[in-house]
All heavy atoms as atom14 arrays in JSON, in Angstrom:
{
  "sequence": "RDNAKSTVYLQMNSLKPQDTAVYYCAADVTSVAVVVSRTAAQYD",
  "atom14_mask": [
    [1, 1, 1, 1, 1, 1, 1, 1, 1, 1, 1, 0, 0, 0],
    [1, 1, 1, 1, 1, 1, 1, 1, 0, 0, 0, 0, 0, 0],
    [1, 1, 1, 1, 1, 1, 1, 1, 0, 0, 0, 0, 0, 0],
    [1, 1, 1, 1, 1, 0, 0, 0, 0, 0, 0, 0, 0, 0],
    [1, 1, 1, 1, 1, 1, 1, 1, 1, 0, 0, 0, 0, 0],
    [1, 1, 1, 1, 1, 1, 0, 0, 0, 0, 0, 0, 0, 0],
    [1, 1, 1, 1, 1, 1, 1, 0, 0, 0, 0, 0, 0, 0],
    [1, 1, 1, 1, 1, 1, 1, 0, 0, 0, 0, 0, 0, 0],
    [1, 1, 1, 1, 1, 1, 1, 1, 1, 1, 1, 1, 0, 0],
    [1, 1, 1, 1, 1, 1, 1, 1, 0, 0, 0, 0, 0, 0],
    [1, 1, 1, 1, 1, 1, 1, 1, 1, 0, 0, 0, 0, 0],
    [1, 1, 1, 1, 1, 1, 1, 1, 0, 0, 0, 0, 0, 0],
    [1, 1, 1, 1, 1, 1, 1, 1, 0, 0, 0, 0, 0, 0],
    [1, 1, 1, 1, 1, 1, 0, 0, 0, 0, 0, 0, 0, 0],
    [1, 1, 1, 1, 1, 1, 1, 1, 0, 0, 0, 0, 0, 0],
    [1, 1, 1, 1, 1, 1, 1, 1, 1, 0, 0, 0, 0, 0],
    [1, 1, 1, 1, 1, 1, 1, 0, 0, 0, 0, 0, 0, 0],
    [1, 1, 1, 1, 1, 1, 1, 1, 1, 0, 0, 0, 0, 0],
    [1, 1, 1, 1, 1, 1, 1, 1, 0, 0, 0, 0, 0, 0],
    [1, 1, 1, 1, 1, 1, 1, 0, 0, 0, 0, 0, 0, 0],
    [1, 1, 1, 1, 1, 0, 0, 0, 0, 0, 0, 0, 0, 0],
    [1, 1, 1, 1, 1, 1, 1, 0, 0, 0, 0, 0, 0, 0],
    [1, 1, 1, 1, 1, 1, 1, 1, 1, 1, 1, 1, 0, 0],
    [1, 1, 1, 1, 1, 1, 1, 1, 1, 1, 1, 1, 0, 0],
    [1, 1, 1, 1, 1, 1, 0, 0, 0, 0, 0, 0, 0, 0],
    [1, 1, 1, 1, 1, 0, 0, 0, 0, 0, 0, 0, 0, 0],
    [1, 1, 1, 1, 1, 0, 0, 0, 0, 0, 0, 0, 0, 0],
    [1, 1, 1, 1, 1, 1, 1, 1, 0, 0, 0, 0, 0, 0],
    [1, 1, 1, 1, 1, 1, 1, 0, 0, 0, 0, 0, 0, 0],
    [1, 1, 1, 1, 1, 1, 1, 0, 0, 0, 0, 0, 0, 0],
    [1, 1, 1, 1, 1, 1, 0, 0, 0, 0, 0, 0, 0, 0],
    [1, 1, 1, 1, 1, 1, 1, 0, 0, 0, 0, 0, 0, 0],
    [1, 1, 1, 1, 1, 0, 0, 0, 0, 0, 0, 0, 0, 0],
    [1, 1, 1, 1, 1, 1, 1, 0, 0, 0, 0, 0, 0, 0],
    [1, 1, 1, 1, 1, 1, 1, 0, 0, 0, 0, 0, 0, 0],
    [1, 1, 1, 1, 1, 1, 1, 0, 0, 0, 0, 0, 0, 0],
    [1, 1, 1, 1, 1, 1, 0, 0, 0, 0, 0, 0, 0, 0],
    [1, 1, 1, 1, 1, 1, 1, 1, 1, 1, 1, 0, 0, 0],
    [1, 1, 1, 1, 1, 1, 1, 0, 0, 0, 0, 0, 0, 0],
    [1, 1, 1, 1, 1, 0, 0, 0, 0, 0, 0, 0, 0, 0],
    [1, 1, 1, 1, 1, 0, 0, 0, 0, 0, 0, 0, 0, 0],
    [1, 1, 1, 1, 1, 1, 1, 1, 1, 0, 0, 0, 0, 0],
    [1, 1, 1, 1, 1, 1, 1, 1, 1, 1, 1, 1, 0, 0],
    [1, 1, 1, 1, 1, 1, 1, 1, 0, 0, 0, 0, 0, 0]
  ],
  "atom14_positions": [
    [[66.95, 54.37, 77.92], [67.59, 53.44, 77.0], [67.04, 53.61, 75.6], [65.87, 54.0, 75.42], [67.44, 52.0, 77.48], [66.03, 51.46, 77.46], [65.96, 50.1, 78.18], [66.72, 49.08, 77.49], [67.09, 47.93, 78.08], [66.77, 47.69, 79.33], [67.79, 47.03, 77.39], [0.0, 0.0, 0.0], [0.0, 0.0, 0.0], [0.0, 0.0, 0.0]],
    [[67.88, 53.3, 74.63], [67.49, 53.29, 73.23], [67.81, 51.9, 72.71], [68.98, 51.59, 72.42], [68.25, 54.37, 72.46], [67.81, 54.49, 71.02], [67.24, 53.52, 70.47], [68.04, 55.55, 70.42], [0.0, 0.0, 0.0], [0.0, 0.0, 0.0], [0.0, 0.0, 0.0], [0.0, 0.0, 0.0], [0.0, 0.0, 0.0], [0.0, 0.0, 0.0]],
    [[66.81, 51.05, 72.61], [67.05, 49.66, 72.22], [67.52, 49.55, 70.77], [68.23, 48.61, 70.42], [65.8, 48.82, 72.46], [65.59, 48.54, 73.95], [66.48, 48.71, 74.78], [64.38, 48.09, 74.29], [0.0, 0.0, 0.0], [0.0, 0.0, 0.0], [0.0, 0.0, 0.0], [0.0, 0.0, 0.0], [0.0, 0.0, 0.0], [0.0, 0.0, 0.0]],
    [[67.15, 50.5, 69.94], [67.6, 50.47, 68.55], [69.11, 50.73, 68.46], [69.77, 50.25, 67.54], [66.85, 51.51, 67.74], [0.0, 0.0, 0.0], [0.0, 0.0, 0.0], [0.0, 0.0, 0.0], [0.0, 0.0, 0.0], [0.0, 0.0, 0.0], [0.0, 0.0, 0.0], [0.0, 0.0, 0.0], [0.0, 0.0, 0.0], [0.0, 0.0, 0.0]],
    [[69.64, 51.47, 69.44], [71.07, 51.78, 69.45], [71.83, 50.92, 70.47], [73.04, 51.1, 70.64], [71.28, 53.26, 69.77], [70.75, 54.2, 68.72], [71.06, 55.65, 69.08], [70.55, 56.59, 67.98], [70.82, 58.02, 68.31], [0.0, 0.0, 0.0], [0.0, 0.0, 0.0], [0.0, 0.0, 0.0], [0.0, 0.0, 0.0], [0.0, 0.0, 0.0]],
    [[71.12, 50.04, 71.17], [71.74, 49.19, 72.2], [72.53, 50.02, 73.2], [73.67, 49.69, 73.56], [72.66, 48.14, 71.54], [71.92, 47.27, 70.72], [0.0, 0.0, 0.0], [0.0, 0.0, 0.0], [0.0, 0.0, 0.0], [0.0, 0.0, 0.0], [0.0, 0.0, 0.0], [0.0, 0.0, 0.0], [0.0, 0.0, 0.0], [0.0, 0.0, 0.0]],
    [[71.92, 51.08, 73.66], [72.61, 52.02, 74.54], [71.7, 52.42, 75.7], [70.51, 52.65, 75.5], [73.05, 53.28, 73.77], [73.91, 52.89, 72.69], [73.79, 54.26, 74.68], [0.0, 0.0, 0.0], [0.0, 0.0, 0.0], [0.0, 0.0, 0.0], [0.0, 0.0, 0.0], [0.0, 0.0, 0.0], [0.0, 0.0, 0.0], [0.0, 0.0, 0.0]],
    [[72.29, 52.51, 76.88], [71.59, 53.03, 78.05], [72.3, 54.31, 78.48], [73.52, 54.43, 78.33], [71.55, 51.99, 79.19], [72.94, 51.62, 79.68], [70.68, 52.46, 80.34], [0.0, 0.0, 0.0], [0.0, 0.0, 0.0], [0.0, 0.0, 0.0], [0.0, 0.0, 0.0], [0.0, 0.0, 0.0], [0.0, 0.0, 0.0], [0.0, 0.0, 0.0]],
    [[71.52, 55.24, 79.0], [72.03, 56.56, 79.37], [71.75, 56.86, 80.83], [70.81, 56.33, 81.42], [71.38, 57.64, 78.51], [71.5, 57.43, 77.03], [70.46, 56.84, 76.3], [72.64, 57.83, 76.34], [70.57, 56.64, 74.94], [72.75, 57.62, 74.97], [71.71, 57.03, 74.29], [71.83, 56.83, 72.93], [0.0, 0.0, 0.0], [0.0, 0.0, 0.0]],
    [[72.56, 57.73, 81.39], [72.3, 58.27, 82.72], [72.52, 59.77, 82.66], [73.66, 60.24, 82.55], [73.21, 57.64, 83.78], [72.89, 58.04, 85.21], [71.54, 57.47, 85.65], [73.98, 57.59, 86.18], [0.0, 0.0, 0.0], [0.0, 0.0, 0.0], [0.0, 0.0, 0.0], [0.0, 0.0, 0.0], [0.0, 0.0, 0.0], [0.0, 0.0, 0.0]],
    [[71.42, 60.51, 82.68], [71.48, 61.96, 82.72], [71.59, 62.4, 84.17], [70.71, 62.08, 84.98], [70.25, 62.58, 82.07], [70.2, 64.09, 82.12], [71.28, 64.75, 81.29], [71.55, 64.33, 80.17], [71.92, 65.78, 81.83], [0.0, 0.0, 0.0], [0.0, 0.0, 0.0], [0.0, 0.0, 0.0], [0.0, 0.0, 0.0], [0.0, 0.0, 0.0]],
    [[72.65, 63.12, 84.5], [72.9, 63.52, 85.88], [72.87, 65.04, 85.97], [73.69, 65.71, 85.35], [74.26, 62.98, 86.34], [74.41, 61.48, 86.19], [75.93, 60.83, 86.88], [77.12, 61.61, 85.81], [0.0, 0.0, 0.0], [0.0, 0.0, 0.0], [0.0, 0.0, 0.0], [0.0, 0.0, 0.0], [0.0, 0.0, 0.0], [0.0, 0.0, 0.0]],
    [[71.91, 65.56, 86.72], [71.76, 67.0, 86.91], [71.98, 67.35, 88.37], [71.94, 66.49, 89.25], [70.37, 67.45, 86.47], [70.1, 67.18, 85.01], [71.01, 67.21, 84.17], [68.85, 66.92, 84.67], [0.0, 0.0, 0.0], [0.0, 0.0, 0.0], [0.0, 0.0, 0.0], [0.0, 0.0, 0.0], [0.0, 0.0, 0.0], [0.0, 0.0, 0.0]],
    [[72.18, 68.63, 88.62], [72.37, 69.14, 89.99], [73.4, 68.3, 90.74], [73.18, 67.89, 91.88], [71.03, 69.12, 90.75], [70.07, 69.9, 90.07], [0.0, 0.0, 0.0], [0.0, 0.0, 0.0], [0.0, 0.0, 0.0], [0.0, 0.0, 0.0], [0.0, 0.0, 0.0], [0.0, 0.0, 0.0], [0.0, 0.0, 0.0], [0.0, 0.0, 0.0]],
    [[74.52, 68.08, 90.11], [75.54, 67.2, 90.69], [76.14, 67.79, 91.96], [76.3, 69.01, 92.09], [76.63, 66.92, 89.66], [76.24, 65.88, 88.61], [77.13, 65.97, 87.38], [76.29, 64.48, 89.19], [0.0, 0.0, 0.0], [0.0, 0.0, 0.0], [0.0, 0.0, 0.0], [0.0, 0.0, 0.0], [0.0, 0.0, 0.0], [0.0, 0.0, 0.0]],
    [[76.46, 66.88, 92.87], [77.02, 67.24, 94.17], [78.4, 66.59, 94.33], [78.66, 65.55, 93.72], [76.1, 66.75, 95.29], [74.66, 67.23, 95.19], [73.81, 66.58, 96.26], [72.37, 67.03, 96.16], [71.51, 66.39, 97.21], [0.0, 0.0, 0.0], [0.0, 0.0, 0.0], [0.0, 0.0, 0.0], [0.0, 0.0, 0.0], [0.0, 0.0, 0.0]],
    [[79.24, 67.14, 95.17], [80.55, 66.5, 95.39], [80.44, 65.04, 95.81], [81.29, 64.22, 95.44], [81.17, 67.37, 96.5], [80.56, 68.72, 96.29], [79.15, 68.45, 95.85], [0.0, 0.0, 0.0], [0.0, 0.0, 0.0], [0.0, 0.0, 0.0], [0.0, 0.0, 0.0], [0.0, 0.0, 0.0], [0.0, 0.0, 0.0], [0.0, 0.0, 0.0]],
    [[79.38, 64.69, 96.54], [79.21, 63.31, 96.99], [78.81, 62.37, 95.86], [78.72, 61.16, 96.06], [78.21, 63.22, 98.15], [76.89, 63.88, 97.88], [76.83, 65.29, 98.47], [77.74, 66.09, 98.31], [75.72, 65.58, 99.14], [0.0, 0.0, 0.0], [0.0, 0.0, 0.0], [0.0, 0.0, 0.0], [0.0, 0.0, 0.0], [0.0, 0.0, 0.0]],
    [[78.55, 62.9, 94.68], [78.3, 62.05, 93.51], [79.6, 61.58, 92.86], [79.58, 60.78, 91.93], [77.47, 62.8, 92.47], [76.06, 63.11, 92.96], [75.45, 62.23, 93.58], [75.58, 64.24, 92.7], [0.0, 0.0, 0.0], [0.0, 0.0, 0.0], [0.0, 0.0, 0.0], [0.0, 0.0, 0.0], [0.0, 0.0, 0.0], [0.0, 0.0, 0.0]],
    [[80.73, 62.11, 93.33], [82.02, 61.71, 92.78], [82.26, 60.22, 92.98], [82.16, 59.71, 94.1], [83.15, 62.51, 93.45], [83.0, 63.9, 93.12], [84.51, 62.03, 92.99], [0.0, 0.0, 0.0], [0.0, 0.0, 0.0], [0.0, 0.0, 0.0], [0.0, 0.0, 0.0], [0.0, 0.0, 0.0], [0.0, 0.0, 0.0], [0.0, 0.0, 0.0]],
    [[82.54, 59.52, 91.89], [82.73, 58.06, 91.94], [83.09, 57.57, 90.54], [83.0, 58.33, 89.56], [81.45, 57.37, 92.41], [0.0, 0.0, 0.0], [0.0, 0.0, 0.0], [0.0, 0.0, 0.0], [0.0, 0.0, 0.0], [0.0, 0.0, 0.0], [0.0, 0.0, 0.0], [0.0, 0.0, 0.0], [0.0, 0.0, 0.0], [0.0, 0.0, 0.0]],
    [[83.45, 56.31, 90.47], [83.51, 55.61, 89.19], [82.12, 55.03, 88.94], [81.58, 54.33, 89.8], [84.57, 54.51, 89.18], [84.56, 53.78, 87.83], [85.95, 55.11, 89.44], [0.0, 0.0, 0.0], [0.0, 0.0, 0.0], [0.0, 0.0, 0.0], [0.0, 0.0, 0.0], [0.0, 0.0, 0.0], [0.0, 0.0, 0.0], [0.0, 0.0, 0.0]],
    [[81.58, 55.32, 87.78], [80.24, 54.86, 87.43], [80.33, 53.69, 86.46], [81.07, 53.75, 85.46], [79.43, 56.0, 86.81], [78.93, 56.97, 87.83], [79.8, 57.84, 88.48], [77.58, 57.02, 88.18], [79.34, 58.73, 89.45], [77.12, 57.9, 89.14], [78.0, 58.74, 89.77], [77.54, 59.62, 90.73], [0.0, 0.0, 0.0], [0.0, 0.0, 0.0]],
    [[79.56, 52.63, 86.75], [79.55, 51.42, 85.96], [78.15, 51.14, 85.44], [77.18, 51.29, 86.19], [79.98, 50.22, 86.8], [81.37, 50.29, 87.38], [81.59, 50.88, 88.63], [82.46, 49.77, 86.7], [82.86, 50.94, 89.17], [83.74, 49.82, 87.23], [83.93, 50.41, 88.46], [85.19, 50.47, 89.01], [0.0, 0.0, 0.0], [0.0, 0.0, 0.0]],
    [[78.06, 50.7, 84.2], [76.79, 50.15, 83.74], [76.87, 48.64, 83.81], [77.97, 48.05, 83.78], [76.43, 50.63, 82.34], [77.47, 49.98, 81.03], [0.0, 0.0, 0.0], [0.0, 0.0, 0.0], [0.0, 0.0, 0.0], [0.0, 0.0, 0.0], [0.0, 0.0, 0.0], [0.0, 0.0, 0.0], [0.0, 0.0, 0.0], [0.0, 0.0, 0.0]],
    [[75.72, 48.02, 83.93], [75.66, 46.57, 84.1], [74.42, 46.01, 83.43], [73.38, 46.68, 83.36], [75.66, 46.23, 85.59], [0.0, 0.0, 0.0], [0.0, 0.0, 0.0], [0.0, 0.0, 0.0], [0.0, 0.0, 0.0], [0.0, 0.0, 0.0], [0.0, 0.0, 0.0], [0.0, 0.0, 0.0], [0.0, 0.0, 0.0], [0.0, 0.0, 0.0]],
    [[74.54, 44.76, 82.97], [73.44, 44.07, 82.29], [73.0, 42.87, 83.1], [73.82, 42.03, 83.49], [73.9, 43.64, 80.9], [0.0, 0.0, 0.0], [0.0, 0.0, 0.0], [0.0, 0.0, 0.0], [0.0, 0.0, 0.0], [0.0, 0.0, 0.0], [0.0, 0.0, 0.0], [0.0, 0.0, 0.0], [0.0, 0.0, 0.0], [0.0, 0.0, 0.0]],
    [[71.7, 42.76, 83.3], [71.09, 41.63, 84.02], [70.59, 40.64, 82.99], [69.39, 40.52, 82.75], [69.97, 42.16, 84.91], [69.38, 41.09, 85.8], [69.82, 39.93, 85.72], [68.44, 41.41, 86.56], [0.0, 0.0, 0.0], [0.0, 0.0, 0.0], [0.0, 0.0, 0.0], [0.0, 0.0, 0.0], [0.0, 0.0, 0.0], [0.0, 0.0, 0.0]],
    [[71.49, 39.88, 82.4], [71.18, 39.04, 81.24], [70.32, 37.85, 81.61], [69.48, 37.41, 80.82], [72.49, 38.59, 80.57], [72.23, 37.58, 79.47], [73.25, 39.79, 80.03], [0.0, 0.0, 0.0], [0.0, 0.0, 0.0], [0.0, 0.0, 0.0], [0.0, 0.0, 0.0], [0.0, 0.0, 0.0], [0.0, 0.0, 0.0], [0.0, 0.0, 0.0]],
    [[70.49, 37.32, 82.81], [69.79, 36.09, 83.19], [68.46, 36.36, 83.89], [67.79, 35.43, 84.32], [70.67, 35.24, 84.11], [71.04, 36.03, 85.26], [71.92, 34.79, 83.39], [0.0, 0.0, 0.0], [0.0, 0.0, 0.0], [0.0, 0.0, 0.0], [0.0, 0.0, 0.0], [0.0, 0.0, 0.0], [0.0, 0.0, 0.0], [0.0, 0.0, 0.0]],
    [[68.07, 37.62, 83.99], [66.86, 37.96, 84.72], [65.62, 37.39, 84.05], [65.46, 37.45, 82.84], [66.73, 39.48, 84.81], [65.48, 39.82, 85.39], [0.0, 0.0, 0.0], [0.0, 0.0, 0.0], [0.0, 0.0, 0.0], [0.0, 0.0, 0.0], [0.0, 0.0, 0.0], [0.0, 0.0, 0.0], [0.0, 0.0, 0.0], [0.0, 0.0, 0.0]],
    [[64.74, 36.84, 84.89], [63.41, 36.43, 84.43], [62.35, 37.19, 85.18], [61.15, 36.99, 84.96], [63.2, 34.9, 84.61], [64.15, 34.13, 83.73], [63.34, 34.51, 86.07], [0.0, 0.0, 0.0], [0.0, 0.0, 0.0], [0.0, 0.0, 0.0], [0.0, 0.0, 0.0], [0.0, 0.0, 0.0], [0.0, 0.0, 0.0], [0.0, 0.0, 0.0]],
    [[62.78, 38.09, 86.07], [61.84, 38.83, 86.91], [61.38, 40.09, 86.19], [62.04, 40.61, 85.3], [62.51, 39.2, 88.23], [0.0, 0.0, 0.0], [0.0, 0.0, 0.0], [0.0, 0.0, 0.0], [0.0, 0.0, 0.0], [0.0, 0.0, 0.0], [0.0, 0.0, 0.0], [0.0, 0.0, 0.0], [0.0, 0.0, 0.0], [0.0, 0.0, 0.0]],
    [[60.24, 40.57, 86.63], [59.71, 41.83, 86.11], [60.37, 43.0, 86.83], [60.62, 44.06, 86.25], [58.19, 41.88, 86.29], [57.65, 43.24, 85.87], [57.53, 40.77, 85.5], [0.0, 0.0, 0.0], [0.0, 0.0, 0.0], [0.0, 0.0, 0.0], [0.0, 0.0, 0.0], [0.0, 0.0, 0.0], [0.0, 0.0, 0.0], [0.0, 0.0, 0.0]],
    [[60.69, 42.79, 88.11], [61.26, 43.85, 88.93], [62.71, 44.09, 88.52], [63.47, 43.15, 88.3], [61.2, 43.46, 90.42], [61.89, 44.51, 91.28], [59.76, 43.28, 90.86], [0.0, 0.0, 0.0], [0.0, 0.0, 0.0], [0.0, 0.0, 0.0], [0.0, 0.0, 0.0], [0.0, 0.0, 0.0], [0.0, 0.0, 0.0], [0.0, 0.0, 0.0]],
    [[63.11, 45.34, 88.43], [64.49, 45.71, 88.12], [65.31, 45.59, 89.42], [64.96, 46.2, 90.42], [64.57, 47.14, 87.57], [66.02, 47.51, 87.28], [63.72, 47.28, 86.32], [0.0, 0.0, 0.0], [0.0, 0.0, 0.0], [0.0, 0.0, 0.0], [0.0, 0.0, 0.0], [0.0, 0.0, 0.0], [0.0, 0.0, 0.0], [0.0, 0.0, 0.0]],
    [[66.38, 44.83, 89.36], [67.16, 44.57, 90.56], [68.02, 45.76, 90.96], [68.57, 46.47, 90.11], [68.05, 43.35, 90.35], [68.85, 43.12, 91.5], [0.0, 0.0, 0.0], [0.0, 0.0, 0.0], [0.0, 0.0, 0.0], [0.0, 0.0, 0.0], [0.0, 0.0, 0.0], [0.0, 0.0, 0.0], [0.0, 0.0, 0.0], [0.0, 0.0, 0.0]],
    [[68.14, 45.94, 92.29], [69.04, 46.95, 92.84], [70.32, 46.31, 93.38], [71.17, 47.0, 93.95], [68.36, 47.68, 94.0], [67.11, 48.46, 93.62], [66.37, 48.96, 94.84], [65.18, 49.73, 94.51], [65.13, 51.05, 94.51], [66.18, 51.74, 94.86], [64.01, 51.69, 94.19], [0.0, 0.0, 0.0], [0.0, 0.0, 0.0], [0.0, 0.0, 0.0]],
    [[70.46, 45.01, 93.17], [71.55, 44.25, 93.76], [72.64, 43.99, 92.74], [72.38, 43.39, 91.69], [71.03, 42.91, 94.3], [69.96, 43.16, 95.23], [72.12, 42.14, 95.0], [0.0, 0.0, 0.0], [0.0, 0.0, 0.0], [0.0, 0.0, 0.0], [0.0, 0.0, 0.0], [0.0, 0.0, 0.0], [0.0, 0.0, 0.0], [0.0, 0.0, 0.0]],
    [[73.87, 44.38, 93.07], [74.98, 44.22, 92.13], [75.19, 42.76, 91.75], [75.51, 42.46, 90.6], [76.25, 44.81, 92.73], [0.0, 0.0, 0.0], [0.0, 0.0, 0.0], [0.0, 0.0, 0.0], [0.0, 0.0, 0.0], [0.0, 0.0, 0.0], [0.0, 0.0, 0.0], [0.0, 0.0, 0.0], [0.0, 0.0, 0.0], [0.0, 0.0, 0.0]],
    [[75.0, 41.86, 92.69], [75.25, 40.44, 92.43], [74.3, 39.88, 91.37], [74.59, 38.83, 90.78], [75.13, 39.65, 93.73], [0.0, 0.0, 0.0], [0.0, 0.0, 0.0], [0.0, 0.0, 0.0], [0.0, 0.0, 0.0], [0.0, 0.0, 0.0], [0.0, 0.0, 0.0], [0.0, 0.0, 0.0], [0.0, 0.0, 0.0], [0.0, 0.0, 0.0]],
    [[73.17, 40.53, 91.14], [72.21, 40.04, 90.16], [72.68, 40.3, 88.73], [72.24, 39.64, 87.79], [70.85, 40.72, 90.39], [69.76, 40.34, 89.41], [69.39, 38.87, 89.45], [69.28, 38.29, 90.52], [69.23, 38.26, 88.29], [0.0, 0.0, 0.0], [0.0, 0.0, 0.0], [0.0, 0.0, 0.0], [0.0, 0.0, 0.0], [0.0, 0.0, 0.0]],
    [[73.57, 41.26, 88.56], [74.01, 41.67, 87.22], [75.17, 40.81, 86.75], [76.1, 40.52, 87.51], [74.35, 43.16, 87.22], [73.12, 44.01, 87.35], [72.51, 44.22, 88.58], [72.52, 44.59, 86.23], [71.35, 44.99, 88.7], [71.38, 45.35, 86.33], [70.79, 45.55, 87.57], [69.65, 46.29, 87.68], [0.0, 0.0, 0.0], [0.0, 0.0, 0.0]],
    [[75.12, 40.44, 85.47], [76.06, 39.45, 84.94], [77.25, 40.05, 84.21], [78.33, 39.46, 84.18], [75.31, 38.53, 83.96], [74.04, 37.98, 84.56], [74.15, 37.1, 85.44], [72.94, 38.45, 84.18], [0.0, 0.0, 0.0], [0.0, 0.0, 0.0], [0.0, 0.0, 0.0], [0.0, 0.0, 0.0], [0.0, 0.0, 0.0], [0.0, 0.0, 0.0]]
  ]
}
């Protein structure tokens, strides 16, 4: 991420056919935890 540009990136290398999908970014705005959530429902 680049906080000065308000942008997050995903560099994907060695791509496989099973990586085919629609990719979404998400923001966990209400988080108060230190741990980064892996749960879609946590993202706002």
